[in-house]
Amino acid sequence: MIKKSILSAFIIISLIVMVNTINANTPDNKKAPEIVLKTLEGKTVKLSDYKGKIVIVDFWATWCPPCRKGIPDLIELQKTYSKDLVVLGISLDQERTLKDLKPFIENYGINYPVVLGDEKVVKDYGGINAIPTSFIIDQKGFIIDSHVGLVPKTVYEDKIKKLLGKK
């Protein structure tokens, strides 16, 4: 019985690790597709606005538990690397949960732009099959990494430091 429990736990942990390291459908080192989306306030935000900065594009929704768990890390990364990094949250909330978005942003103290996703951006980024899904885009606009599932903050930090030439 104990052996079965240990084996089950090992399989579950292995699957979680695998999900966290599976690359999204968009190949790495590909020019990032332009993003042109609006905030809740109607302001247009473009990926090209952040040329020269590292960008973490995070597809998420308010109703997604792993998304909720990862947001404090993204807030901290935005605060720590504000000169060189922009986190761009792309909310995939639909009509039913869209009303929750503004209070969610305020309650969590999100300090980075959040825009409303659409079918075009989902398609442009290879089809988002699960959330959170994130893409790390370098200062020249190339996708250098992508993840499906919750990503440890250290994974992001290692990439950021590497792109900034820091160890």
Foldseek 3Di string as FASTA:
>chain_A
DVVVVVVVVVVVVVVQVCQFADFAQDDFQAFQDWDWFAAPVGDTDIPVVQAQAKEKEWEEEPVDVQVVVQQVLVQVCCVVPVVHYAYEYEYADDPVCPVVPVVVCVVSVRPHHYGYDDPVNCVSRPHQPAPGKIFIAANRRTTHGIHHTRYDSVVVVVVNCVSVVHD
